[in-house]
């Protein structure tokens, strides 16, 4: 018995030592990242002349950054081992913490009586520190994934249809399976903006019309349909084509199919009162997470604080870009900001800000396709990069919008919301949303459908699908989910 106890204690101490070592190494690496970032930013500020950098103020501001790093990440619990290294959750936590550290260093430098360092240095250093901290963790993750890959010599060769978020998650799950039963060899995707994707070494080789050709080229024997936005007739058509090409077909289940309620005991009937009431059963409605309980109120406050903090950091970082876009628009279009009436939380009307992307004579439907003649050349580029949405950071800071939430709708289209869909108005609308990640470029969907009546197609087909996804977000939102959506949005914009 005593031997067993001693073994357990030694094992526990070993595990504790390993955890503490990992924690110390991460802290030391992030500290080095900040010192490196401040040094690079200072050298850029001094035209790469390091001799012009005063040692004492520089070391003082480095010390401020390290203290802020320990304080911020202690609050965020970054170094507690809650997330795997290189995962999206850790990346968002590290990036958020590093951005907040940069803001603190900037404010300290701004309000100290004696200027320690040029005000632009922390603003230049913050993105460098983010790249060092997040990039290094991603390298570690990729190295571990490649090192731990299974033997795929006997695996089934799989084509994945859908290169969106679900397809990417599926692809990485297949590649991280220790049994090595399935080897993804190709991706198929209808969305043109995803055509050049190459995820974990697996390329997008065409569209769903290229199933047979891709199967022959890649010597595949299985197709997995991971695009949940496809209609049932479309799925059946694709499955028939795949079977004709000799492929086994599987489909990624929907969330409703995954979350099947377990059978339970029948509910206990409530005691009857003297007055009998006949109630007509109604379909269950989505219950938005409102601040009606202490936990919900705390979550709502956390979401609002996160909105303010990240928006302020983003505003500081994008000021040069915003000024450049404003100058270009002033000289090319004559106007800079488009003020769009939108329906906000609880049905309140507010003014949403965007950069101008259309000509002044923009009468017609509010929904636009890619080839809409009203869109200017500069506006087309702004829409493609989503930079036209940057002024909405002002709406977020004012409290009219959140960074993440259902996208605000034009009042004329919000009138068509069903009673169930109106529940998306229970939360602040967002700058980005879950529907944006799942649908991607809305204009691409309209271009593929090529409807005769764009507005009718939007109201009858596209809008209900988007609202169903937004209802899913309203009923399940959390801070972690918001961070994931923000990370997905950033990655989508960078591709």
Protein backbone atom coordinates (compact mmCIF):
# COMPACT_ATOMS: atom_id res chain seq x y z
CA UNK A 1 0.00 0.00 0.00
CA UNK A 2 2.75 2.45 0.94
CA UNK A 3 4.59 1.72 -2.31
CA UNK A 4 1.44 2.46 -4.29
CA UNK A 5 0.90 5.74 -2.45
CA UNK A 6 4.48 6.84 -3.06
CA UNK A 7 4.21 6.05 -6.75
CA UNK A 8 1.07 8.15 -7.05
CA UNK A 9 2.70 11.05 -5.23
CA UNK A 10 5.76 10.96 -7.45
CA UNK A 11 3.50 10.81 -10.52
CA UNK A 12 1.44 13.73 -9.25
CA UNK A 13 4.57 15.76 -8.57
CA UNK A 14 5.86 14.95 -12.05
CA UNK A 15 2.61 16.06 -13.62
CA UNK A 16 2.58 19.23 -11.53
CA UNK A 17 6.21 19.97 -12.42
CA UNK A 18 5.48 19.46 -16.13
CA UNK A 19 2.48 21.80 -15.94
CA UNK A 20 4.47 24.47 -14.09
CA UNK A 21 7.32 24.16 -16.58
CA UNK A 22 4.92 24.57 -19.50
CA UNK A 23 3.34 27.55 -17.81
CA UNK A 24 6.71 29.19 -17.10
CA UNK A 25 7.86 28.61 -20.69
CA UNK A 26 4.72 30.20 -22.13
CA UNK A 27 5.06 33.23 -19.85
CA UNK A 28 8.75 33.59 -20.72
CA UNK A 29 8.06 33.23 -24.45
CA UNK A 30 5.29 35.85 -24.43
CA UNK A 31 7.56 38.16 -22.42
CA UNK A 32 10.28 37.70 -25.03
CA UNK A 33 7.66 38.37 -27.72
CA UNK A 34 6.79 41.72 -26.17
CA UNK A 35 10.45 42.70 -25.72
CA UNK A 36 11.12 41.73 -29.34
CA UNK A 37 8.02 43.55 -30.60
CA UNK A 38 8.89 46.76 -28.74
CA UNK A 39 12.46 46.58 -30.00
CA UNK A 40 11.31 46.14 -33.62
CA UNK A 41 8.73 48.92 -33.28
CA UNK A 42 11.31 51.26 -31.74
CA UNK A 43 13.77 50.53 -34.52
CA UNK A 44 11.08 51.20 -37.13
CA UNK A 45 10.26 54.48 -35.37
CA UNK A 46 13.97 55.40 -35.39
CA UNK A 47 14.48 54.42 -39.08
CA UNK A 48 16.32 51.24 -38.02
CA UNK A 49 18.89 53.25 -36.07
CA UNK A 50 19.14 51.35 -32.78
CA UNK A 51 21.69 53.79 -31.35
CA UNK A 52 18.95 56.47 -31.17
CA UNK A 53 16.87 54.36 -28.76
CA UNK A 54 17.34 55.43 -25.14
CA UNK A 55 18.02 52.35 -23.03
CA UNK A 56 16.42 53.38 -19.75
CA UNK A 57 13.00 54.48 -21.08
CA UNK A 58 12.94 51.45 -23.37
CA UNK A 59 13.60 49.02 -20.52
CA UNK A 60 10.98 50.81 -18.43
CA UNK A 61 8.30 50.41 -21.08
CA UNK A 62 9.30 46.75 -21.54
CA UNK A 63 8.83 46.25 -17.79
CA UNK A 64 5.40 47.91 -18.02
CA UNK A 65 4.47 45.53 -20.85
CA UNK A 66 5.60 42.47 -18.87
CA UNK A 67 3.66 43.53 -15.77
CA UNK A 68 0.57 44.24 -17.89
CA UNK A 69 1.02 40.86 -19.59
CA UNK A 70 1.02 39.00 -16.27
CA UNK A 71 -1.99 40.97 -15.00
CA UNK A 72 -4.13 40.68 -18.15
CA UNK A 73 -3.41 37.00 -18.74
CA UNK A 74 -4.01 36.24 -15.07
CA UNK A 75 -7.52 37.66 -15.50
CA UNK A 76 -8.03 35.76 -18.76
CA UNK A 77 -6.44 32.62 -17.22
CA UNK A 78 -4.38 32.15 -20.36
CA UNK A 79 -1.64 30.10 -18.69
CA UNK A 80 -3.89 27.74 -16.76
CA UNK A 81 -3.71 25.01 -19.41
CA UNK A 82 -7.41 25.33 -20.31
CA UNK A 83 -6.81 25.11 -24.08
CA UNK A 84 -4.51 23.02 -26.27
CA UNK A 85 -1.58 24.93 -27.70
CA UNK A 86 -2.37 26.35 -31.12
CA UNK A 87 -6.13 25.80 -30.82
CA UNK A 88 -8.60 28.49 -31.87
CA UNK A 89 -9.70 29.12 -28.26
CA UNK A 90 -6.14 29.68 -27.08
CA UNK A 91 -5.33 31.79 -30.13
CA UNK A 92 -8.26 34.11 -29.45
CA UNK A 93 -7.46 34.37 -25.74
CA UNK A 94 -3.79 35.14 -26.46
CA UNK A 95 -4.63 37.64 -29.21
CA UNK A 96 -7.21 39.41 -27.02
CA UNK A 97 -4.83 39.55 -24.07
CA UNK A 98 -1.95 40.82 -26.19
CA UNK A 99 -4.14 43.53 -27.73
CA UNK A 100 -5.24 44.64 -24.25
CA UNK A 101 -1.60 44.71 -23.09
CA UNK A 102 -0.77 46.93 -26.07
CA UNK A 103 -3.63 49.28 -25.12
CA UNK A 104 -2.40 49.46 -21.52
CA UNK A 105 1.18 50.20 -22.61
CA UNK A 106 -0.10 52.89 -24.97
CA UNK A 107 -2.17 54.52 -22.20
CA UNK A 108 0.73 54.38 -19.74
CA UNK A 109 3.00 56.03 -22.29
CA UNK A 110 0.30 58.58 -23.10
CA UNK A 111 -0.44 59.69 -19.54
CA UNK A 112 3.00 59.55 -17.90
CA UNK A 113 4.38 62.98 -17.06
CA UNK A 114 7.69 62.24 -18.79
CA UNK A 115 7.26 60.58 -22.16
CA UNK A 116 8.94 57.17 -21.92
CA UNK A 117 8.63 56.25 -25.57
CA UNK A 118 7.02 57.51 -28.76
CA UNK A 119 3.23 57.02 -28.68
CA UNK A 120 3.28 55.08 -31.95
CA UNK A 121 5.64 52.39 -30.63
CA UNK A 122 3.07 50.40 -28.57
CA UNK A 123 0.61 50.59 -31.48
CA UNK A 124 3.24 49.18 -33.83
CA UNK A 125 4.41 46.61 -31.27
CA UNK A 126 0.97 45.14 -30.46
CA UNK A 127 0.34 43.41 -33.84
CA UNK A 128 3.96 42.21 -33.89
CA UNK A 129 3.52 40.68 -30.43
CA UNK A 130 0.26 39.04 -31.55
CA UNK A 131 2.01 37.49 -34.56
CA UNK A 132 4.87 36.20 -32.39
CA UNK A 133 2.60 34.76 -29.67
CA UNK A 134 -0.12 33.26 -31.88
CA UNK A 135 2.14 32.30 -34.78
CA UNK A 136 4.58 30.38 -32.61
CA UNK A 137 1.76 28.43 -31.00
CA UNK A 138 0.34 27.59 -34.42
CA UNK A 139 3.75 26.29 -35.51
CA UNK A 140 3.88 24.04 -32.44
CA UNK A 141 0.38 22.74 -33.18
CA UNK A 142 1.17 22.00 -36.83
CA UNK A 143 4.39 20.22 -35.85
CA UNK A 144 2.52 18.04 -33.34
CA UNK A 145 -0.23 17.23 -35.84
CA UNK A 146 2.26 16.11 -38.47
CA UNK A 147 4.30 14.17 -35.93
CA UNK A 148 1.25 12.32 -34.59
CA UNK A 149 -0.42 11.50 -37.91
CA UNK A 150 -1.51 7.90 -38.26
CA UNK A 151 -0.55 5.39 -40.92
CA UNK A 152 -2.95 5.93 -43.83
CA UNK A 153 -1.68 3.10 -46.03
CA UNK A 154 -4.97 1.20 -45.58
CA UNK A 155 -7.26 4.20 -45.16
CA UNK A 156 -10.27 4.99 -47.33
CA UNK A 157 -9.55 7.86 -49.70
CA UNK A 158 -12.18 10.55 -49.08
CA UNK A 159 -13.48 13.57 -50.99
CA UNK A 160 -15.06 16.21 -48.75
CA UNK A 161 -17.78 18.36 -50.33
CA UNK A 162 -17.80 21.73 -48.55
CA UNK A 163 -14.72 23.80 -47.68
CA UNK A 164 -16.55 26.05 -45.20
CA UNK A 165 -16.30 25.93 -41.42
CA UNK A 166 -17.96 22.50 -41.11
CA UNK A 167 -15.81 21.02 -43.88
CA UNK A 168 -12.63 22.36 -42.29
CA UNK A 169 -13.54 20.93 -38.89
CA UNK A 170 -14.35 17.57 -40.48
CA UNK A 171 -11.10 17.57 -42.44
CA UNK A 172 -8.99 18.19 -39.35
CA UNK A 173 -10.92 15.55 -37.40
CA UNK A 174 -10.21 12.97 -40.10
CA UNK A 175 -6.53 13.89 -40.18
CA UNK A 176 -6.20 13.75 -36.39
CA UNK A 177 -7.91 10.35 -36.06
CA UNK A 178 -5.29 8.03 -34.49
CA UNK A 179 -6.87 5.01 -36.20
CA UNK A 180 -6.21 6.48 -39.63
CA UNK A 181 -9.39 5.09 -41.18
CA UNK A 182 -10.03 7.95 -43.62
CA UNK A 183 -7.57 9.99 -45.69
CA UNK A 184 -8.95 13.24 -47.21
CA UNK A 185 -7.54 13.59 -50.73
CA UNK A 186 -9.64 16.41 -52.19
CA UNK A 187 -12.16 19.13 -51.39
CA UNK A 188 -15.06 20.30 -53.56
CA UNK A 189 -16.69 23.69 -53.07
CA UNK A 190 -19.30 25.74 -54.99
CA UNK A 191 -18.44 29.05 -53.34
CA UNK A 192 -15.99 30.87 -55.62
CA UNK A 193 -14.31 32.66 -52.70
CA UNK A 194 -13.21 29.29 -51.30
CA UNK A 195 -11.99 27.81 -54.58
CA UNK A 196 -8.31 28.44 -53.84
CA UNK A 197 -8.39 26.94 -50.36
CA UNK A 198 -5.75 24.43 -49.36
CA UNK A 199 -6.50 23.12 -45.87
CA UNK A 200 -3.88 21.00 -44.10
CA UNK A 201 -2.41 20.19 -47.50
CA UNK A 202 -5.75 19.15 -49.08
CA UNK A 203 -6.69 21.32 -52.10
CA UNK A 204 -10.08 22.38 -53.44
CA UNK A 205 -10.24 20.65 -56.83
CA UNK A 206 -13.56 21.85 -58.20
CA UNK A 207 -17.29 22.09 -57.58
CA UNK A 208 -19.95 19.50 -56.86
CA UNK A 209 -20.26 19.01 -60.63
CA UNK A 210 -16.72 17.59 -60.62
CA UNK A 211 -17.37 14.60 -58.33
CA UNK A 212 -16.71 11.93 -60.97
CA UNK A 213 -13.61 13.66 -62.41
CA UNK A 214 -12.11 14.28 -58.98
CA UNK A 215 -12.80 10.71 -57.87
CA UNK A 216 -10.89 9.38 -60.87
CA UNK A 217 -7.98 11.82 -60.46
CA UNK A 218 -7.60 11.27 -56.71
CA UNK A 219 -8.39 7.55 -56.80
CA UNK A 220 -11.05 8.16 -54.14
CA UNK A 221 -13.61 5.65 -52.92
CA UNK A 222 -15.81 7.78 -50.64
CA UNK A 223 -17.61 11.15 -50.64
CA UNK A 224 -18.59 12.97 -47.44
CA UNK A 225 -21.08 15.85 -47.87
CA UNK A 226 -20.15 18.48 -45.26
CA UNK A 227 -22.10 21.45 -46.66
CA UNK A 228 -25.18 21.72 -44.40
CA UNK A 229 -26.68 24.54 -46.49
CA UNK A 230 -27.51 22.20 -49.37
CA UNK A 231 -31.16 21.35 -49.88
CA UNK A 232 -32.38 17.76 -49.77
CA UNK A 233 -32.89 17.52 -53.57
CA UNK A 234 -29.35 18.84 -54.12
CA UNK A 235 -27.91 16.28 -51.68
CA UNK A 236 -29.77 13.46 -53.45
CA UNK A 237 -28.54 14.64 -56.84
CA UNK A 238 -24.93 14.76 -55.63
CA UNK A 239 -25.25 11.35 -53.97
CA UNK A 240 -26.57 9.80 -57.21
CA UNK A 241 -23.66 11.23 -59.19
CA UNK A 242 -21.17 9.98 -56.59
CA UNK A 243 -22.61 6.46 -56.55
CA UNK A 244 -22.49 6.39 -60.33
CA UNK A 245 -18.77 7.16 -60.04
CA UNK A 246 -18.32 4.21 -57.67
CA UNK A 247 -18.14 6.21 -54.43
CA UNK A 248 -19.66 5.40 -51.07
CA UNK A 249 -21.62 8.45 -49.86
CA UNK A 250 -21.91 9.80 -46.31
CA UNK A 251 -23.37 13.06 -45.01
CA UNK A 252 -22.35 15.20 -42.06
CA UNK A 253 -25.37 15.21 -39.71
CA UNK A 254 -27.11 18.45 -38.84
CA UNK A 255 -27.09 19.83 -35.32
CA UNK A 256 -30.65 18.62 -34.76
CA UNK A 257 -29.66 15.11 -35.83
CA UNK A 258 -26.66 15.16 -33.49
CA UNK A 259 -28.60 16.42 -30.48
CA UNK A 260 -31.32 13.79 -30.23
CA UNK A 261 -33.10 14.02 -26.84
CA UNK A 262 -32.87 10.90 -24.70
CA UNK A 263 -36.21 9.39 -23.66
CA UNK A 264 -37.07 10.17 -20.08
CA UNK A 265 -39.83 9.48 -17.57
CA UNK A 266 -43.21 11.07 -18.30
CA UNK A 267 -43.69 14.47 -16.66
CA UNK A 268 -45.51 14.56 -13.35
CA UNK A 269 -48.89 16.26 -13.86
CA UNK A 270 -49.38 19.50 -11.97
CA UNK A 271 -52.01 19.52 -9.24
CA UNK A 272 -55.38 20.71 -10.46
CA UNK A 273 -57.01 23.84 -9.17
CA UNK A 274 -60.66 24.62 -8.77
CA UNK A 275 -60.75 26.30 -12.15
CA UNK A 276 -60.12 24.04 -15.15
CA UNK A 277 -58.20 25.62 -18.03
CA UNK A 278 -57.77 24.21 -21.50
CA UNK A 279 -54.38 25.15 -22.98
CA UNK A 280 -53.54 24.78 -26.64
CA UNK A 281 -50.02 23.42 -27.00
CA UNK A 282 -47.72 25.71 -28.93
CA UNK A 283 -44.44 24.82 -30.59
CA UNK A 284 -41.44 25.51 -28.34
CA UNK A 285 -39.90 28.89 -29.02
CA UNK A 286 -36.24 29.80 -28.92
CA UNK A 287 -35.34 31.23 -25.54
CA UNK A 288 -32.76 33.94 -26.04
CA UNK A 289 -30.14 34.29 -23.35
CA UNK A 290 -31.25 37.56 -21.80
CA UNK A 291 -29.94 39.05 -18.60
CA UNK A 292 -32.73 37.70 -16.43
CA UNK A 293 -30.50 35.74 -14.06
CA UNK A 294 -27.25 36.68 -12.28
CA UNK A 295 -25.23 34.38 -14.60
CA UNK A 296 -26.91 35.75 -17.72
CA UNK A 297 -26.40 39.32 -16.49
CA UNK A 298 -22.70 38.60 -15.90
CA UNK A 299 -22.38 37.10 -19.36
CA UNK A 300 -24.12 40.11 -20.89
CA UNK A 301 -21.75 42.50 -19.07
CA UNK A 302 -18.76 40.43 -20.15
CA UNK A 303 -19.94 40.54 -23.75
CA UNK A 304 -20.37 44.32 -23.59
CA UNK A 305 -16.93 44.84 -21.97
CA UNK A 306 -15.36 42.60 -24.60
CA UNK A 307 -17.11 44.61 -27.34
CA UNK A 308 -15.77 47.89 -25.96
CA UNK A 309 -12.22 46.64 -25.34
CA UNK A 310 -11.77 44.93 -28.70
CA UNK A 311 -13.46 47.78 -30.58
CA UNK A 312 -11.17 50.38 -29.01
CA UNK A 313 -8.12 48.30 -29.86
CA UNK A 314 -9.42 47.76 -33.40
CA UNK A 315 -10.12 51.47 -33.85
CA UNK A 316 -6.55 52.33 -32.84
CA UNK A 317 -5.11 49.71 -35.18
CA UNK A 318 -7.22 50.58 -38.24
CA UNK A 319 -7.09 54.38 -38.01
CA UNK A 320 -4.45 54.69 -40.80
CA UNK A 321 -6.45 52.36 -43.07
CA UNK A 322 -9.73 54.18 -42.35
CA UNK A 323 -8.15 57.54 -43.16
CA UNK A 324 -6.75 56.17 -46.42
CA UNK A 325 -10.13 54.74 -47.47
CA UNK A 326 -11.85 57.99 -46.53
CA UNK A 327 -9.47 60.03 -48.70
CA UNK A 328 -9.92 57.66 -51.67
CA UNK A 329 -13.70 57.75 -51.37
CA UNK A 330 -13.78 61.54 -51.04
CA UNK A 331 -11.87 61.97 -54.28
CA UNK A 332 -13.62 59.18 -56.24
CA UNK A 333 -17.20 59.16 -54.96
CA UNK A 334 -17.53 62.54 -53.26
CA UNK A 335 -19.01 60.87 -50.16
CA UNK A 336 -17.41 58.76 -47.45
CA UNK A 337 -20.04 57.42 -45.03
CA UNK A 338 -23.34 55.79 -45.91
CA UNK A 339 -25.96 56.02 -43.14
CA UNK A 340 -28.29 53.07 -43.33
CA UNK A 341 -31.46 52.77 -41.22
CA UNK A 342 -31.52 49.41 -39.49
CA UNK A 343 -33.61 47.50 -36.94
CA UNK A 344 -31.73 46.92 -33.71
CA UNK A 345 -32.33 45.30 -30.36
CA UNK A 346 -35.99 45.08 -29.33
CA UNK A 347 -37.01 46.46 -32.73
CA UNK A 348 -35.46 49.90 -32.14
CA UNK A 349 -34.47 51.83 -35.26
CA UNK A 350 -30.86 53.08 -35.42
CA UNK A 351 -28.43 54.44 -38.01
CA UNK A 352 -25.73 51.99 -39.11
CA UNK A 353 -22.53 53.39 -40.64
CA UNK A 354 -20.76 51.98 -43.70
CA UNK A 355 -18.28 53.24 -46.22
CA UNK A 356 -20.01 54.33 -49.43
CA UNK A 357 -19.86 51.57 -52.05
CA UNK A 358 -22.67 52.58 -54.44
CA UNK A 359 -23.35 55.52 -56.70
CA UNK A 360 -25.52 58.35 -55.43
CA UNK A 361 -28.41 57.22 -57.63
CA UNK A 362 -28.86 53.98 -55.67
CA UNK A 363 -32.63 53.63 -55.94
CA UNK A 364 -33.78 50.05 -56.19
CA UNK A 365 -33.62 46.92 -54.03
CA UNK A 366 -31.41 47.00 -50.95
CA UNK A 367 -30.15 43.53 -51.87
CA UNK A 368 -27.33 43.58 -54.42
CA UNK A 369 -25.58 40.99 -56.54
CA UNK A 370 -21.93 41.03 -57.54
CA UNK A 371 -22.63 42.57 -60.95
CA UNK A 372 -24.99 45.29 -59.72
CA UNK A 373 -24.25 48.36 -61.84
CA UNK A 374 -24.83 50.67 -58.88
CA UNK A 375 -21.66 49.44 -57.13
CA UNK A 376 -18.59 51.61 -57.79
CA UNK A 377 -15.16 50.18 -58.61
CA UNK A 378 -13.76 51.13 -55.19
CA UNK A 379 -16.98 49.94 -53.57
CA UNK A 380 -16.64 46.53 -55.22
CA UNK A 381 -13.20 46.10 -53.64
CA UNK A 382 -14.43 47.33 -50.26
CA UNK A 383 -17.31 44.83 -50.36
CA UNK A 384 -15.05 41.95 -51.40
CA UNK A 385 -12.70 42.63 -48.47
CA UNK A 386 -15.56 43.58 -46.08
CA UNK A 387 -13.69 46.79 -45.23
CA UNK A 388 -16.86 48.76 -45.95
CA UNK A 389 -18.14 47.50 -42.57
CA UNK A 390 -15.32 49.09 -40.52
CA UNK A 391 -17.30 52.25 -39.53
CA UNK A 392 -19.71 49.99 -37.63
CA UNK A 393 -17.09 49.88 -34.86
CA UNK A 394 -18.60 53.25 -33.92
CA UNK A 395 -22.03 51.59 -33.61
CA UNK A 396 -20.46 48.92 -31.38
CA UNK A 397 -18.85 51.50 -29.08
CA UNK A 398 -22.15 53.43 -28.90
CA UNK A 399 -23.94 50.25 -27.78
CA UNK A 400 -26.23 50.02 -30.82
CA UNK A 401 -24.43 46.91 -32.07
CA UNK A 402 -22.19 44.13 -30.81
CA UNK A 403 -19.12 42.67 -32.48
CA UNK A 404 -21.00 39.38 -32.86
CA UNK A 405 -24.75 38.98 -33.30
CA UNK A 406 -27.46 38.65 -35.94
CA UNK A 407 -26.79 41.05 -38.77
CA UNK A 408 -29.10 44.12 -38.62
CA UNK A 409 -31.76 44.20 -41.31
CA UNK A 410 -33.29 46.98 -43.38
CA UNK A 411 -36.71 47.97 -41.93
CA UNK A 412 -38.51 47.14 -45.18
CA UNK A 413 -37.25 43.55 -45.01
CA UNK A 414 -37.64 43.19 -41.24
CA UNK A 415 -41.38 43.63 -41.76
CA UNK A 416 -41.38 40.17 -43.36
CA UNK A 417 -39.96 38.43 -40.26
CA UNK A 418 -42.18 35.63 -38.97
CA UNK A 419 -43.10 35.71 -35.24
CA UNK A 420 -40.44 33.06 -34.63
CA UNK A 421 -37.77 34.91 -36.57
CA UNK A 422 -38.48 38.16 -34.71
CA UNK A 423 -36.74 36.57 -31.72
CA UNK A 424 -33.39 37.52 -33.27
CA UNK A 425 -34.25 41.07 -32.14
CA UNK A 426 -33.80 39.96 -28.53
CA UNK A 427 -30.05 40.72 -28.74
CA UNK A 428 -27.92 43.47 -30.20
CA UNK A 429 -27.21 43.03 -33.90
CA UNK A 430 -23.63 42.23 -34.78
CA UNK A 431 -20.82 43.40 -37.02
CA UNK A 432 -20.29 39.73 -37.90
CA UNK A 433 -22.48 36.70 -37.31
CA UNK A 434 -22.77 32.94 -37.34
CA UNK A 435 -24.79 33.18 -40.58
CA UNK A 436 -21.91 35.07 -42.23
CA UNK A 437 -19.50 32.22 -41.44
CA UNK A 438 -21.88 29.52 -42.65
CA UNK A 439 -23.10 31.34 -45.76
CA UNK A 440 -19.91 33.18 -46.58
CA UNK A 441 -20.36 35.77 -49.31
CA UNK A 442 -24.09 36.50 -49.64
CA UNK A 443 -23.56 38.07 -53.04
CA UNK A 444 -22.02 34.79 -54.27
CA UNK A 445 -25.19 32.89 -53.37
CA UNK A 446 -27.30 35.40 -55.26
CA UNK A 447 -24.93 35.23 -58.25
CA UNK A 448 -25.16 31.43 -58.37
CA UNK A 449 -28.95 31.44 -58.08
CA UNK A 450 -29.25 34.21 -60.71
CA UNK A 451 -32.90 34.93 -59.75
CA UNK A 452 -35.11 37.02 -61.96
CA UNK A 453 -36.29 38.97 -58.89
CA UNK A 454 -33.43 39.51 -56.43
CA UNK A 455 -35.64 40.86 -53.65
CA UNK A 456 -38.15 38.01 -53.90
CA UNK A 457 -35.32 35.44 -53.83
CA UNK A 458 -33.80 37.13 -50.78
CA UNK A 459 -37.07 37.32 -48.84
CA UNK A 460 -38.38 33.86 -49.69
CA UNK A 461 -35.20 31.76 -49.78
CA UNK A 462 -32.04 33.39 -48.43
CA UNK A 463 -33.37 35.45 -45.50
CA UNK A 464 -35.27 32.59 -43.76
CA UNK A 465 -32.17 30.38 -43.93
CA UNK A 466 -30.02 33.12 -42.45
CA UNK A 467 -32.54 33.81 -39.68
CA UNK A 468 -32.69 30.12 -38.75
CA UNK A 469 -28.93 30.18 -38.20
CA UNK A 470 -29.17 33.45 -36.25
CA UNK A 471 -31.85 31.92 -34.00
CA UNK A 472 -29.42 29.11 -33.25
CA UNK A 473 -26.89 31.74 -32.15
CA UNK A 474 -29.42 33.69 -30.04
CA UNK A 475 -30.39 30.59 -28.07
CA UNK A 476 -26.83 29.35 -27.43
CA UNK A 477 -24.50 32.36 -27.46
CA UNK A 478 -21.52 32.50 -25.15
CA UNK A 479 -18.32 34.53 -24.91
CA UNK A 480 -16.33 31.55 -26.18
CA UNK A 481 -18.62 31.22 -29.20
CA UNK A 482 -18.26 34.95 -29.91
CA UNK A 483 -14.47 34.61 -29.89
CA UNK A 484 -14.67 31.67 -32.28
CA UNK A 485 -16.90 33.61 -34.67
CA UNK A 486 -14.56 36.61 -34.53
CA UNK A 487 -11.57 34.36 -35.23
CA UNK A 488 -13.40 32.70 -38.11
CA UNK A 489 -14.33 36.10 -39.53
CA UNK A 490 -10.73 37.34 -39.40
CA UNK A 491 -9.46 34.16 -41.08
CA UNK A 492 -12.14 34.44 -43.78
CA UNK A 493 -11.19 38.05 -44.51
CA UNK A 494 -7.48 37.23 -44.70
CA UNK A 495 -7.99 34.45 -47.26
